[in-house]
N, C-alpha and C. Protein backbone atom coordinates (compact mmCIF):
# COMPACT_ATOMS: atom_id res chain seq x y z
N MET A 1 0.76 -1.00 0.26
CA MET A 1 0.05 0.18 0.03
C MET A 1 0.78 0.97 -0.23
N SER A 2 0.46 2.36 -0.69
CA SER A 2 1.73 3.35 -0.69
C SER A 2 1.44 4.41 0.33
N ARG A 3 2.48 4.96 0.78
CA ARG A 3 2.45 5.79 1.98
C ARG A 3 1.49 6.89 1.96
N ILE A 4 1.94 7.57 0.35
CA ILE A 4 1.18 8.74 0.38
C ILE A 4 0.13 8.29 -0.21
N GLY A 5 -0.41 7.24 -0.55
CA GLY A 5 -2.04 7.45 -1.06
C GLY A 5 -2.23 7.44 0.25
N LYS A 6 -2.17 6.86 1.24
CA LYS A 6 -3.10 6.31 2.68
C LYS A 6 -3.10 7.61 3.59
N LEU A 7 -2.94 9.00 3.07
CA LEU A 7 -2.76 9.80 3.90
C LEU A 7 -4.21 10.94 3.11
N SER A 8 -5.11 11.30 3.73
CA SER A 8 -6.14 11.39 4.13
C SER A 8 -6.09 13.15 3.67
N ILE A 9 -6.96 13.74 2.65
CA ILE A 9 -6.79 14.98 2.15
C ILE A 9 -8.00 16.22 2.86
N ALA A 10 -7.95 16.83 3.64
CA ALA A 10 -8.43 18.38 4.14
C ALA A 10 -9.50 18.71 3.45
N ILE A 11 -10.91 18.92 3.51
CA ILE A 11 -11.61 19.78 2.45
C ILE A 11 -11.86 21.36 2.95
N PRO A 12 -11.49 22.17 2.16
CA PRO A 12 -11.50 23.06 3.10
C PRO A 12 -13.07 23.21 3.29
N ALA A 13 -13.46 24.69 3.69
CA ALA A 13 -14.40 25.34 3.77
C ALA A 13 -14.66 25.67 2.24
N GLY A 14 -16.34 25.63 1.24
CA GLY A 14 -16.17 26.19 0.35
C GLY A 14 -16.33 25.14 -0.40
N VAL A 15 -15.23 24.10 -0.82
CA VAL A 15 -14.85 23.04 -1.85
C VAL A 15 -15.61 21.75 -1.41
N SER A 16 -15.88 21.51 -2.84
CA SER A 16 -16.95 19.85 -2.90
C SER A 16 -15.89 19.25 -3.79
N VAL A 17 -16.27 17.89 -3.23
CA VAL A 17 -15.24 16.71 -4.00
C VAL A 17 -16.57 15.88 -4.38
N GLU A 18 -16.72 15.51 -5.87
CA GLU A 18 -17.51 14.07 -6.53
C GLU A 18 -16.37 13.27 -7.09
N PHE A 19 -17.07 12.36 -7.23
CA PHE A 19 -16.17 10.89 -7.65
C PHE A 19 -17.98 9.71 -8.15
N LYS A 20 -17.65 10.09 -9.64
CA LYS A 20 -19.05 9.44 -10.53
C LYS A 20 -18.32 9.37 -12.01
N ASP A 21 -18.38 7.84 -12.05
CA ASP A 21 -18.23 7.45 -13.50
C ASP A 21 -17.36 7.36 -13.87
N ALA A 22 -15.56 7.47 -12.45
CA ALA A 22 -14.54 7.56 -12.60
C ALA A 22 -14.14 8.54 -12.73
N VAL A 23 -14.23 9.72 -12.36
CA VAL A 23 -14.40 10.89 -12.57
C VAL A 23 -14.68 11.93 -11.26
N VAL A 24 -13.14 12.53 -11.21
CA VAL A 24 -13.34 13.36 -9.74
C VAL A 24 -13.70 14.68 -9.80
N THR A 25 -14.83 15.24 -9.30
CA THR A 25 -14.50 16.89 -10.05
C THR A 25 -14.42 17.20 -8.43
N VAL A 26 -13.62 18.80 -8.81
CA VAL A 26 -12.99 19.52 -7.66
C VAL A 26 -13.83 20.74 -8.01
N LYS A 27 -14.68 21.49 -7.06
CA LYS A 27 -15.42 22.57 -7.31
C LYS A 27 -14.80 23.38 -6.36
N GLY A 28 -14.75 24.46 -6.45
CA GLY A 28 -14.01 25.88 -5.53
C GLY A 28 -14.29 27.22 -5.70
N ALA A 29 -14.04 28.15 -4.82
CA ALA A 29 -14.10 29.35 -5.56
C ALA A 29 -13.85 30.01 -6.85
N LYS A 30 -11.87 29.23 -7.05
CA LYS A 30 -11.30 30.21 -7.84
C LYS A 30 -11.29 28.97 -9.24
N GLY A 31 -12.88 27.74 -9.38
CA GLY A 31 -12.69 27.05 -10.65
C GLY A 31 -13.05 25.64 -10.40
N THR A 32 -13.19 24.74 -11.51
CA THR A 32 -13.74 23.58 -11.14
C THR A 32 -12.21 22.77 -12.21
N LEU A 33 -12.21 21.30 -11.36
CA LEU A 33 -11.64 20.58 -12.28
C LEU A 33 -11.34 19.51 -12.40
N THR A 34 -11.59 18.92 -13.28
CA THR A 34 -11.72 17.45 -13.60
C THR A 34 -10.53 16.38 -13.56
N GLN A 35 -10.64 15.46 -13.27
CA GLN A 35 -9.89 13.93 -13.42
C GLN A 35 -10.36 12.50 -13.13
N LYS A 36 -9.64 12.45 -15.11
CA LYS A 36 -10.16 10.63 -14.82
C LYS A 36 -9.42 9.83 -14.12
N ILE A 37 -10.11 9.03 -13.22
CA ILE A 37 -9.39 8.26 -12.21
C ILE A 37 -9.15 6.73 -13.07
N GLU A 38 -8.05 6.08 -13.51
CA GLU A 38 -8.01 4.85 -14.17
C GLU A 38 -7.21 4.05 -13.24
N GLY A 39 -8.10 2.56 -13.62
CA GLY A 39 -7.25 1.24 -12.85
C GLY A 39 -8.10 1.02 -11.63
N ALA A 40 -7.34 0.34 -10.30
CA ALA A 40 -8.44 0.11 -8.86
C ALA A 40 -8.39 0.85 -7.54
N ILE A 41 -9.11 1.71 -8.21
CA ILE A 41 -8.41 3.28 -7.15
C ILE A 41 -9.84 3.53 -6.94
N ASP A 42 -10.74 3.60 -5.64
CA ASP A 42 -12.09 3.98 -5.53
C ASP A 42 -11.75 5.67 -4.91
N VAL A 43 -12.27 6.79 -5.10
CA VAL A 43 -12.51 7.92 -4.03
C VAL A 43 -13.63 8.30 -3.35
N LYS A 44 -13.26 8.58 -1.70
CA LYS A 44 -14.55 8.38 -1.10
C LYS A 44 -14.33 9.67 -0.11
N THR A 45 -15.45 10.67 -0.16
CA THR A 45 -15.30 11.53 0.41
C THR A 45 -16.46 11.88 1.83
N GLU A 46 -15.96 11.86 3.33
CA GLU A 46 -16.19 11.72 4.48
C GLU A 46 -15.61 12.42 5.53
N ASN A 47 -16.77 13.13 6.41
CA ASN A 47 -15.84 13.41 7.44
C ASN A 47 -15.70 14.69 7.38
N GLY A 48 -15.78 15.50 5.85
CA GLY A 48 -14.63 16.83 5.96
C GLY A 48 -13.66 16.36 5.40
N HIS A 49 -12.87 14.64 4.84
CA HIS A 49 -11.91 14.56 3.90
C HIS A 49 -12.10 13.85 3.12
N VAL A 50 -11.25 13.68 1.86
CA VAL A 50 -11.04 12.95 1.25
C VAL A 50 -10.00 11.43 0.78
N HIS A 51 -10.44 10.26 1.17
CA HIS A 51 -9.79 9.04 0.95
C HIS A 51 -9.39 8.79 -0.56
N VAL A 52 -7.98 8.35 -0.79
CA VAL A 52 -8.12 7.29 -2.00
C VAL A 52 -7.81 6.26 -1.96
N VAL A 53 -8.47 5.31 -1.98
CA VAL A 53 -8.45 3.95 -1.88
C VAL A 53 -8.12 2.87 -2.55
N ALA A 54 -7.24 1.90 -2.63
CA ALA A 54 -6.60 0.77 -3.62
C ALA A 54 -7.76 -0.34 -3.48
N LEU A 55 -8.39 -0.44 -4.92
CA LEU A 55 -9.09 -1.43 -4.22
C LEU A 55 -8.43 -3.55 -4.56
N ASP A 56 -7.09 -2.97 -4.86
CA ASP A 56 -6.33 -4.57 -5.10
C ASP A 56 -4.76 -4.14 -4.61
N GLU A 57 -3.81 -5.01 -4.63
CA GLU A 57 -2.63 -4.91 -4.12
C GLU A 57 -1.33 -5.13 -5.15
N LEU A 58 -1.83 -4.97 -6.70
CA LEU A 58 -0.95 -4.65 -7.31
C LEU A 58 -0.30 -3.99 -7.94
N PRO A 59 1.15 -4.13 -7.91
CA PRO A 59 2.20 -3.25 -8.12
C PRO A 59 1.25 -1.80 -8.97
N GLN A 60 1.15 -1.74 -9.79
CA GLN A 60 0.81 -0.93 -10.39
C GLN A 60 -0.14 -0.18 -10.25
N THR A 61 -1.38 -0.63 -9.08
CA THR A 61 -2.17 -0.04 -8.66
C THR A 61 -1.95 0.82 -7.40
N ASN A 62 -0.41 0.14 -6.54
CA ASN A 62 0.21 1.13 -5.68
C ASN A 62 0.67 2.50 -6.22
N ALA A 63 1.17 1.94 -7.00
CA ALA A 63 1.86 3.46 -7.76
C ALA A 63 0.64 4.50 -8.13
N LEU A 64 -0.27 3.57 -9.02
CA LEU A 64 -1.76 4.38 -9.05
C LEU A 64 -2.20 5.19 -8.17
N HIS A 65 -2.26 4.76 -6.87
CA HIS A 65 -2.66 5.05 -5.71
C HIS A 65 -2.06 6.23 -4.99
N GLY A 66 -0.84 6.24 -5.29
CA GLY A 66 -0.13 7.70 -4.74
C GLY A 66 -0.27 8.90 -5.59
N LEU A 67 -0.19 8.37 -6.81
CA LEU A 67 -0.39 9.74 -7.92
C LEU A 67 -1.78 10.05 -7.94
N TYR A 68 -2.82 8.64 -7.74
CA TYR A 68 -3.79 9.31 -7.79
C TYR A 68 -4.34 10.25 -6.57
N ARG A 69 -4.06 10.00 -5.64
CA ARG A 69 -3.90 11.22 -4.13
C ARG A 69 -3.39 12.29 -4.44
N ALA A 70 -2.23 12.73 -4.25
CA ALA A 70 -1.35 13.68 -5.25
C ALA A 70 -2.15 14.59 -5.70
N ILE A 71 -2.27 13.80 -6.75
CA ILE A 71 -2.85 14.58 -8.02
C ILE A 71 -4.49 15.26 -7.13
N VAL A 72 -5.38 14.18 -6.53
CA VAL A 72 -6.36 15.08 -6.11
C VAL A 72 -6.41 16.12 -4.75
N ALA A 73 -4.98 16.18 -4.01
CA ALA A 73 -4.58 16.89 -3.16
C ALA A 73 -4.55 18.74 -3.89
N ASN A 74 -3.95 18.45 -5.17
CA ASN A 74 -3.49 19.49 -5.89
C ASN A 74 -4.47 20.17 -6.30
N MET A 75 -5.32 19.38 -6.91
CA MET A 75 -7.27 19.93 -7.06
C MET A 75 -7.63 20.68 -6.08
N VAL A 76 -7.67 19.83 -4.97
CA VAL A 76 -7.85 20.74 -4.13
C VAL A 76 -7.80 21.68 -3.45
N LYS A 77 -5.80 22.09 -3.39
CA LYS A 77 -5.22 23.40 -2.89
C LYS A 77 -5.50 24.25 -4.71
N GLY A 78 -6.02 23.82 -5.35
CA GLY A 78 -5.55 24.59 -6.75
C GLY A 78 -7.42 25.40 -6.48
N VAL A 79 -8.18 24.83 -6.46
CA VAL A 79 -9.31 25.93 -6.42
C VAL A 79 -9.74 26.46 -5.04
N SER A 80 -8.70 25.90 -4.68
CA SER A 80 -9.50 27.09 -3.05
C SER A 80 -8.10 28.25 -3.10
N GLU A 81 -7.02 27.82 -3.27
CA GLU A 81 -6.16 28.73 -3.00
C GLU A 81 -5.10 29.16 -4.28
N GLY A 82 -5.00 28.09 -5.15
CA GLY A 82 -4.34 28.42 -6.55
C GLY A 82 -2.88 28.44 -6.53
N PHE A 83 -2.16 28.22 -7.29
CA PHE A 83 -0.53 27.79 -7.87
C PHE A 83 0.01 29.19 -8.27
N SER A 84 1.03 29.47 -7.82
CA SER A 84 1.52 30.78 -8.64
C SER A 84 3.36 30.08 -8.97
N LYS A 85 3.67 30.65 -9.81
CA LYS A 85 5.46 30.23 -10.02
C LYS A 85 5.89 32.27 -10.82
N GLY A 86 6.98 31.79 -10.39
CA GLY A 86 7.39 33.18 -10.81
C GLY A 86 8.99 33.00 -10.81
N LEU A 87 9.18 34.11 -12.17
CA LEU A 87 10.21 33.90 -13.04
C LEU A 87 10.71 35.36 -13.18
N GLU A 88 12.39 35.59 -13.25
CA GLU A 88 13.18 36.06 -13.07
C GLU A 88 14.03 36.50 -15.00
N VAL A 89 13.62 37.92 -15.21
CA VAL A 89 14.40 37.89 -16.33
C VAL A 89 15.88 39.19 -16.54
N LYS A 90 16.89 38.32 -16.74
CA LYS A 90 18.40 38.83 -16.61
C LYS A 90 18.98 38.71 -17.72
N GLY A 91 19.05 40.14 -17.75
CA GLY A 91 19.81 40.43 -19.29
C GLY A 91 20.58 42.01 -19.67
N VAL A 92 21.04 42.69 -19.84
CA VAL A 92 21.37 43.73 -20.00
C VAL A 92 20.34 44.26 -21.12
N GLY A 93 19.06 45.20 -20.57
CA GLY A 93 18.32 45.79 -21.54
C GLY A 93 17.20 44.90 -21.83
N TRP A 94 17.27 43.75 -21.32
CA TRP A 94 15.97 43.02 -21.30
C TRP A 94 14.62 43.30 -20.83
N ARG A 95 13.51 43.08 -20.84
CA ARG A 95 12.65 43.20 -20.64
C ARG A 95 11.15 42.21 -20.16
N ALA A 96 10.34 42.30 -19.71
CA ALA A 96 9.25 41.78 -20.21
C ALA A 96 7.66 42.40 -19.91
N ALA A 97 6.73 42.71 -20.86
CA ALA A 97 5.67 43.60 -20.20
C ALA A 97 4.32 42.69 -21.19
N MET A 98 3.07 43.19 -20.70
CA MET A 98 2.10 42.29 -20.84
C MET A 98 1.13 43.17 -22.05
N GLN A 99 0.59 42.97 -22.97
CA GLN A 99 0.41 43.72 -23.65
C GLN A 99 -1.33 42.93 -24.31
N GLY A 100 -2.18 43.35 -23.94
CA GLY A 100 -3.03 42.86 -23.76
C GLY A 100 -3.51 41.51 -23.12
N ASN A 101 -3.70 40.29 -23.93
CA ASN A 101 -3.33 38.90 -23.26
C ASN A 101 -1.79 38.23 -23.80
N LYS A 102 -1.08 39.12 -24.26
CA LYS A 102 0.03 38.56 -24.57
C LYS A 102 1.37 38.99 -23.94
N LEU A 103 2.52 37.91 -23.59
CA LEU A 103 3.43 39.05 -22.86
C LEU A 103 4.56 39.06 -23.83
N VAL A 104 4.76 39.83 -23.90
CA VAL A 104 5.91 40.51 -25.26
C VAL A 104 7.74 40.88 -24.32
N LEU A 105 8.59 39.73 -24.81
CA LEU A 105 9.20 39.60 -24.00
C LEU A 105 10.35 40.09 -25.30
N ASN A 106 11.47 40.84 -24.62
CA ASN A 106 12.85 41.53 -25.26
C ASN A 106 14.32 41.33 -24.47
N VAL A 107 14.39 39.76 -25.42
CA VAL A 107 15.22 38.77 -24.36
C VAL A 107 17.06 38.51 -25.26
N GLY A 108 17.11 39.73 -25.48
CA GLY A 108 18.33 39.70 -26.97
C GLY A 108 18.42 39.04 -27.91
N PHE A 109 17.52 39.24 -28.61
CA PHE A 109 16.82 37.99 -29.67
C PHE A 109 16.51 39.70 -31.17
N SER A 110 16.96 39.29 -32.16
CA SER A 110 16.39 40.75 -33.10
C SER A 110 14.69 40.84 -32.87
N HIS A 111 14.14 40.44 -32.59
CA HIS A 111 12.88 40.96 -33.00
C HIS A 111 12.12 40.51 -31.84
N PRO A 112 10.67 41.18 -31.08
CA PRO A 112 10.72 40.79 -29.60
C PRO A 112 9.79 39.47 -30.15
N VAL A 113 9.90 38.81 -28.52
CA VAL A 113 8.94 37.13 -28.64
C VAL A 113 7.86 37.53 -27.85
N GLU A 114 6.69 37.57 -28.72
CA GLU A 114 4.95 37.16 -27.89
C GLU A 114 4.68 35.61 -27.87
N PHE A 115 4.55 35.94 -26.62
CA PHE A 115 3.50 34.65 -25.90
C PHE A 115 2.11 34.14 -25.36
N THR A 116 1.45 34.06 -25.83
CA THR A 116 -0.01 33.98 -25.72
C THR A 116 -0.05 33.63 -24.49
N GLN A 117 -1.22 34.72 -23.90
CA GLN A 117 -2.01 33.79 -22.61
C GLN A 117 -2.39 32.50 -22.46
N PRO A 118 -2.12 31.43 -22.42
CA PRO A 118 -3.30 30.37 -22.12
C PRO A 118 -4.57 30.07 -21.66
N GLU A 119 -5.77 29.53 -22.18
CA GLU A 119 -6.52 29.33 -20.96
C GLU A 119 -6.55 29.09 -20.05
N GLY A 120 -6.91 29.77 -19.01
CA GLY A 120 -6.90 29.24 -17.25
C GLY A 120 -5.78 29.13 -17.19
N ILE A 121 -5.16 30.58 -17.54
CA ILE A 121 -3.39 31.11 -16.88
C ILE A 121 -3.72 32.46 -16.70
N LYS A 122 -3.23 33.36 -15.46
CA LYS A 122 -2.62 33.89 -15.81
C LYS A 122 -1.55 35.15 -15.56
N ILE A 123 -1.35 35.78 -16.26
CA ILE A 123 0.64 35.87 -16.28
C ILE A 123 0.55 37.38 -16.44
N GLU A 124 1.47 38.16 -15.41
CA GLU A 124 1.72 39.39 -14.82
C GLU A 124 3.02 39.71 -14.76
N CYS A 125 3.36 40.92 -15.13
CA CYS A 125 5.11 41.23 -15.13
C CYS A 125 4.49 42.17 -13.44
N PRO A 126 4.63 42.31 -12.94
CA PRO A 126 4.97 43.38 -11.66
C PRO A 126 6.20 44.05 -11.56
N SER A 127 6.81 44.03 -12.08
CA SER A 127 8.24 44.87 -12.84
C SER A 127 8.70 44.78 -14.26
N GLN A 128 9.84 45.00 -15.13
CA GLN A 128 10.09 44.58 -16.17
C GLN A 128 11.18 43.40 -16.13
N THR A 129 11.49 42.74 -15.19
CA THR A 129 12.35 41.82 -15.01
C THR A 129 11.77 40.65 -14.32
N GLU A 130 10.04 40.94 -14.07
CA GLU A 130 9.59 39.64 -13.17
C GLU A 130 8.32 39.29 -13.95
N ILE A 131 8.67 38.12 -14.12
CA ILE A 131 7.12 37.39 -14.03
C ILE A 131 6.50 36.42 -13.55
N THR A 132 4.93 36.81 -13.68
CA THR A 132 4.15 35.85 -12.03
C THR A 132 3.15 34.80 -13.09
N VAL A 133 3.50 33.75 -13.13
CA VAL A 133 2.30 32.78 -13.83
C VAL A 133 1.24 31.86 -12.51
N SER A 134 -0.22 32.26 -12.76
CA SER A 134 -1.01 31.36 -11.51
C SER A 134 -2.06 31.11 -12.53
N GLY A 135 -2.52 30.44 -11.55
CA GLY A 135 -3.74 29.55 -11.88
C GLY A 135 -4.03 28.23 -11.35
N ILE A 136 -4.83 28.21 -11.46
CA ILE A 136 -5.37 26.53 -10.64
C ILE A 136 -5.33 25.19 -11.05
N ASP A 137 -4.42 24.94 -12.16
CA ASP A 137 -4.03 23.41 -12.45
C ASP A 137 -2.39 23.77 -12.36
N LYS A 138 -1.96 23.03 -11.15
CA LYS A 138 -0.62 23.37 -11.25
C LYS A 138 0.45 22.42 -11.73
N VAL A 139 -0.54 21.44 -12.88
CA VAL A 139 0.77 20.86 -14.08
C VAL A 139 0.28 22.34 -14.87
N LEU A 140 -0.16 23.02 -15.45
CA LEU A 140 -0.83 23.92 -16.20
C LEU A 140 0.30 25.20 -15.92
N VAL A 141 0.13 25.48 -14.92
CA VAL A 141 0.85 26.40 -14.34
C VAL A 141 2.76 26.23 -14.47
N GLY A 142 3.33 25.18 -13.88
CA GLY A 142 4.15 24.47 -14.24
C GLY A 142 4.87 24.80 -15.97
N GLN A 143 3.84 23.77 -16.17
CA GLN A 143 4.01 23.78 -18.01
C GLN A 143 4.66 25.21 -18.75
N VAL A 144 3.55 26.22 -18.07
CA VAL A 144 3.14 27.15 -18.89
C VAL A 144 5.13 28.09 -18.57
N ALA A 145 5.02 28.17 -17.35
CA ALA A 145 6.05 28.46 -16.41
C ALA A 145 7.71 27.72 -17.65
N ALA A 146 7.76 26.93 -17.92
CA ALA A 146 8.42 26.23 -18.15
C ALA A 146 8.81 26.12 -19.53
N ASP A 147 7.81 26.71 -20.01
CA ASP A 147 7.42 26.87 -21.68
C ASP A 147 8.60 28.58 -21.77
N LEU A 148 7.93 29.34 -21.14
CA LEU A 148 8.34 30.76 -21.11
C LEU A 148 9.79 30.81 -20.74
N ARG A 149 10.29 30.08 -19.84
CA ARG A 149 12.02 30.23 -19.40
C ARG A 149 12.60 29.22 -20.40
N ALA A 150 12.10 28.39 -21.27
CA ALA A 150 13.02 27.65 -22.98
C ALA A 150 13.09 29.02 -23.88
N ILE A 151 12.30 29.59 -23.48
CA ILE A 151 12.23 31.02 -24.61
C ILE A 151 14.33 31.46 -24.33
N ARG A 152 14.43 31.71 -23.46
CA ARG A 152 15.66 31.91 -23.58
C ARG A 152 16.18 30.99 -21.98
N VAL A 153 16.74 29.87 -21.89
CA VAL A 153 17.72 29.21 -21.07
C VAL A 153 18.63 29.92 -20.53
N PRO A 154 18.75 30.06 -19.03
CA PRO A 154 20.22 30.66 -18.54
C PRO A 154 21.67 29.96 -19.09
N GLU A 155 22.46 31.16 -19.42
CA GLU A 155 23.40 30.71 -20.02
C GLU A 155 24.46 30.58 -18.73
N PRO A 156 25.39 29.69 -18.50
CA PRO A 156 26.32 29.19 -17.78
C PRO A 156 27.86 30.51 -17.60
N TYR A 157 27.30 31.49 -18.32
CA TYR A 157 28.86 32.15 -18.47
C TYR A 157 28.69 33.62 -17.78
N HIS A 158 27.53 34.44 -18.04
CA HIS A 158 27.21 35.62 -17.76
C HIS A 158 25.75 35.45 -16.56
N GLY A 159 24.87 34.20 -16.81
CA GLY A 159 23.45 34.13 -16.32
C GLY A 159 22.51 34.90 -16.75
N TYR A 160 22.98 35.02 -18.28
CA TYR A 160 21.54 35.76 -18.44
C TYR A 160 20.82 34.92 -19.20
N GLY A 161 18.98 35.36 -19.22
CA GLY A 161 18.48 34.26 -19.31
C GLY A 161 16.91 34.76 -18.58
N ILE A 162 15.93 33.83 -18.47
CA ILE A 162 14.84 33.86 -17.87
C ILE A 162 14.87 32.42 -17.09
N ARG A 163 14.60 32.40 -15.81
CA ARG A 163 15.20 31.62 -14.63
C ARG A 163 13.89 31.67 -13.79
N TYR A 164 13.76 30.53 -12.88
CA TYR A 164 12.36 30.40 -11.94
C TYR A 164 13.28 31.65 -10.33
N LYS A 165 12.28 31.89 -10.20
CA LYS A 165 12.29 33.14 -9.16
C LYS A 165 13.69 32.05 -7.70
N GLY A 166 14.26 32.01 -7.41
CA GLY A 166 15.42 31.71 -6.44
C GLY A 166 15.93 30.63 -7.06
N GLU A 167 15.66 30.32 -8.28
CA GLU A 167 17.29 29.34 -8.95
C GLU A 167 18.25 29.97 -9.09
N HIS A 168 19.74 29.12 -8.63
CA HIS A 168 21.14 28.93 -9.05
C HIS A 168 21.42 28.63 -10.10
N VAL A 169 22.06 29.65 -11.03
CA VAL A 169 22.73 29.13 -12.35
C VAL A 169 24.01 28.96 -12.28
N GLU A 170 24.38 27.72 -11.67
CA GLU A 170 26.22 27.55 -11.83
C GLU A 170 26.87 28.35 -12.95
N HIS A 171 27.47 29.33 -12.74
CA HIS A 171 28.65 30.20 -13.88
C HIS A 171 29.57 29.06 -14.00
N LYS A 172 30.16 28.99 -15.02
CA LYS A 172 31.26 28.77 -15.46
C LYS A 172 32.39 29.70 -15.48
N GLU A 173 33.92 29.30 -15.54
CA GLU A 173 35.11 30.50 -15.59
C GLU A 173 34.88 30.76 -17.21
N GLY A 174 35.43 31.62 -17.64
CA GLY A 174 35.86 32.32 -19.02
C GLY A 174 37.15 31.37 -19.65
N LYS A 175 37.44 32.03 -20.73
CA LYS A 175 38.47 31.55 -21.37
C LYS A 175 39.87 32.40 -20.75
N THR A 176 40.84 32.00 -20.68
CA THR A 176 41.89 32.21 -20.24
C THR A 176 42.83 33.15 -21.51
N SER A 177 43.44 33.91 -20.80
CA SER A 177 44.75 34.65 -21.52
C SER A 177 45.79 33.20 -22.22
N GLY A 178 46.06 32.16 -21.32
CA GLY A 178 46.80 31.52 -21.78
C GLY A 178 48.11 32.14 -21.42
N LYS A 179 48.39 33.12 -20.93
CA LYS A 179 49.80 33.99 -19.93
C LYS A 179 50.30 32.98 -19.15
N GLY A 180 52.04 32.70 -19.56
CA GLY A 180 52.47 32.07 -18.25
C GLY A 180 52.18 30.60 -18.68
N LYS A 181 52.02 30.21 -20.02
CA LYS A 181 52.14 28.63 -19.65
C LYS A 181 52.84 28.31 -20.43
N LYS A 182 53.64 27.38 -20.49
CA LYS A 182 54.43 26.65 -21.29
C LYS A 182 54.43 25.86 -21.72
């Protein structure tokens, strides 16, 4: 039995969890999320808690037990609190700005890069060098943040690029002149 899967999930006020026809639906103040449950997994709601139950002891079911418990926990947190990921733009003259529903990045290319805000995601620019990606779906927030970072991955010599907030970029030593070597 999965150690993660055995843990129950507390349901905050204003959130409802429903399991019907192998689909979990979580509704809250920020929106609604659904997830199809495959395999021998059952989801039960009782006394303000959600329990994800494995119906057999197969290794595949054991793996899915922990996975679906984590997914349902993220869904409950997403519809009640939401998720957010911060990015930093580092480079001389580099900046980011929102224009309508498009993020316009000037990150050292000969042209500005436009990134259209996906549905269900909110992108904000508190300053010219900061980007905040937020939404209720943890996977989608992480994927959009990764897509933005992939536009200009931090390079190891000067550290220029788009990085996650708090990310440490290991710097390489540059070339040396070779003086004094024989």
